Structures are given as structure tokens and as C-alpha cells.
Amino acid sequence: MRPAGGAPSVLSARVARNTLIAETSARIAIRTAAALSAIVHAFTFGANFDEVLEMPSESWSPLFLALTLAGVFTMLLLGHWVVAAIFGGLALVVLAGWHTVEPQEA
């Protein structure tokens, strides 16, 4: 690599290695950006999200299930086996209730 004046320059091995690493990293970044751009383009213009994606119904059951399962594992860690079993039973009731209710079509 020559400076603007045209005189030859001497690069140390460290500078040459760092330059090579920077150029290689730039090439990888450009290729990655091109690949991601192609993927985004395919998903943006090639898919109909209204047909593919269905939003979940508005339900409190997932929150209640998460809370009861947190209660189960907390009580197991604390050694309260009976209370953990009660929370486990509540979790099963919430899970059964969640799956028996059919969401209404919009």
C-alpha cells in the first residue's frame, strides 16, 4: 500500500494482520447484510401474514398457569410438599380450563 505521495511504505506484521482482519470482517459483514436483506425481502413480499399468523385469544389462563407453576416450584424449593401439591392441582385445573374454552371467531 503506497501513500498519496507515491513513496513505498513499510508495514509491520501487526499492522498488516490488523488490516487483513479488518478487510475480512468488512467482507463478512457485507455478505451477511446481503443475505439478511434477501431473507427480509422474501418474508416481506412473499408471505401473506394474515393467513400465516393467528394471534392468540385474549385469555388470562396463561398468566394463571404461570403463577401456579411458579408456586409449585417455589414450594418444592422451600420443602413445602403439600402446598406444592395444591399448587400443582390448581395448575392442572387452570390448564384444563384453558383447553376446554374455545375462542370465539372474530
Protein backbone atom coordinates (compact mmCIF):
# COMPACT_ATOMS: atom_id res chain seq x y z
CA MET A 1 0.00 0.00 0.00
CA ARG A 2 1.51 3.33 -1.02
CA PRO A 3 0.72 6.71 0.44
CA ALA A 4 -0.61 9.52 -1.73
CA GLY A 5 2.91 10.79 -2.49
CA GLY A 6 3.82 7.55 -4.23
CA ALA A 7 6.70 6.58 -1.92
CA PRO A 8 6.68 2.99 -0.70
CA SER A 9 5.79 2.39 2.94
CA VAL A 10 6.81 -0.35 5.30
CA LEU A 11 4.11 -2.01 7.39
CA SER A 12 4.81 -4.06 10.47
CA ALA A 13 3.39 -7.56 10.70
CA ARG A 14 0.89 -6.38 13.30
CA VAL A 15 -0.44 -3.58 11.10
CA ALA A 16 -0.65 -5.91 8.09
CA ARG A 17 -2.52 -8.53 10.16
CA ASN A 18 -4.93 -5.96 11.60
CA THR A 19 -5.58 -4.59 8.11
CA LEU A 20 -6.28 -8.10 6.80
CA ILE A 21 -8.63 -8.81 9.72
CA ALA A 22 -10.49 -5.54 9.15
CA GLU A 23 -10.89 -6.24 5.41
CA THR A 24 -12.08 -9.80 6.09
CA SER A 25 -14.55 -8.58 8.72
CA ALA A 26 -15.89 -6.00 6.28
CA ARG A 27 -16.41 -8.66 3.60
CA ILE A 28 -18.22 -10.92 6.08
CA ALA A 29 -20.43 -8.03 7.21
CA ILE A 30 -21.33 -7.18 3.61
CA ARG A 31 -22.21 -10.81 2.81
CA THR A 32 -24.25 -11.14 5.99
CA ALA A 33 -26.13 -7.92 5.27
CA ALA A 34 -26.88 -9.11 1.74
CA ALA A 35 -28.17 -12.46 3.00
CA LEU A 36 -30.35 -10.82 5.66
CA SER A 37 -31.68 -8.39 3.09
CA ALA A 38 -32.70 -11.29 0.85
CA ILE A 39 -34.43 -13.06 3.75
CA VAL A 40 -36.30 -9.93 4.81
CA HIS A 41 -37.33 -9.30 1.21
CA ALA A 42 -38.63 -12.86 0.86
CA PHE A 43 -40.66 -12.66 4.05
CA THR A 44 -41.92 -9.15 3.44
CA PHE A 45 -43.03 -9.55 -0.14
CA GLY A 46 -43.58 -13.28 -0.40
CA ALA A 47 -45.82 -14.06 2.57
CA ASN A 48 -49.34 -13.13 3.50
CA PHE A 49 -49.14 -12.72 7.27
CA ASP A 50 -52.91 -12.61 7.73
CA GLU A 51 -53.12 -16.20 6.51
CA VAL A 52 -49.97 -17.42 8.26
CA LEU A 53 -50.15 -15.74 11.66
CA GLU A 54 -53.08 -16.15 14.00
CA MET A 55 -52.99 -14.07 17.15
CA PRO A 56 -53.80 -15.95 20.36
CA SER A 57 -57.11 -15.36 22.03
CA GLU A 58 -57.26 -12.86 24.87
CA SER A 59 -57.21 -15.12 27.89
CA TRP A 60 -55.95 -14.88 31.46
CA SER A 61 -55.26 -18.61 31.60
CA PRO A 62 -51.57 -18.44 30.57
CA LEU A 63 -50.87 -15.93 33.34
CA PHE A 64 -52.69 -18.03 35.95
CA LEU A 65 -50.88 -21.17 34.75
CA ALA A 66 -47.53 -19.42 35.02
CA LEU A 67 -48.32 -18.21 38.54
CA THR A 68 -49.47 -21.63 39.74
CA LEU A 69 -46.40 -23.32 38.26
CA ALA A 70 -44.19 -20.69 39.91
CA GLY A 71 -45.97 -21.56 43.17
CA VAL A 72 -45.31 -25.27 42.61
CA PHE A 73 -41.58 -24.84 42.09
CA THR A 74 -41.22 -22.27 44.85
CA MET A 75 -42.88 -24.58 47.36
CA LEU A 76 -40.75 -27.51 46.15
CA LEU A 77 -37.61 -25.44 46.74
CA LEU A 78 -38.80 -24.48 50.22
CA GLY A 79 -39.74 -28.08 51.08
CA HIS A 80 -43.50 -27.49 51.48
CA TRP A 81 -44.65 -30.63 49.70
CA VAL A 82 -48.36 -30.39 50.49
CA VAL A 83 -48.63 -26.77 49.36
CA ALA A 84 -46.68 -27.68 46.19
CA ALA A 85 -49.21 -30.45 45.52
CA ILE A 86 -52.07 -27.97 46.00
CA PHE A 87 -50.46 -25.56 43.54
CA GLY A 88 -49.94 -28.50 41.14
CA GLY A 89 -53.63 -29.35 41.35
CA LEU A 90 -54.54 -25.72 40.69
CA ALA A 91 -52.20 -25.73 37.69
CA LEU A 92 -53.97 -28.78 36.29
CA VAL A 93 -57.36 -27.13 36.81
CA VAL A 94 -56.19 -23.95 35.06
CA LEU A 95 -54.70 -25.98 32.20
CA ALA A 96 -57.90 -27.99 31.77
CA GLY A 97 -59.99 -24.82 31.86
CA TRP A 98 -57.75 -23.15 29.31
CA HIS A 99 -58.13 -26.01 26.84
CA THR A 100 -61.87 -26.53 27.29
CA VAL A 101 -62.84 -22.96 26.38
CA GLU A 102 -62.99 -22.37 22.64
CA PRO A 103 -62.01 -18.89 21.48
CA GLN A 104 -64.75 -17.08 19.60
CA GLU A 105 -64.15 -16.36 15.94
CA ALA A 106 -63.86 -12.68 15.06
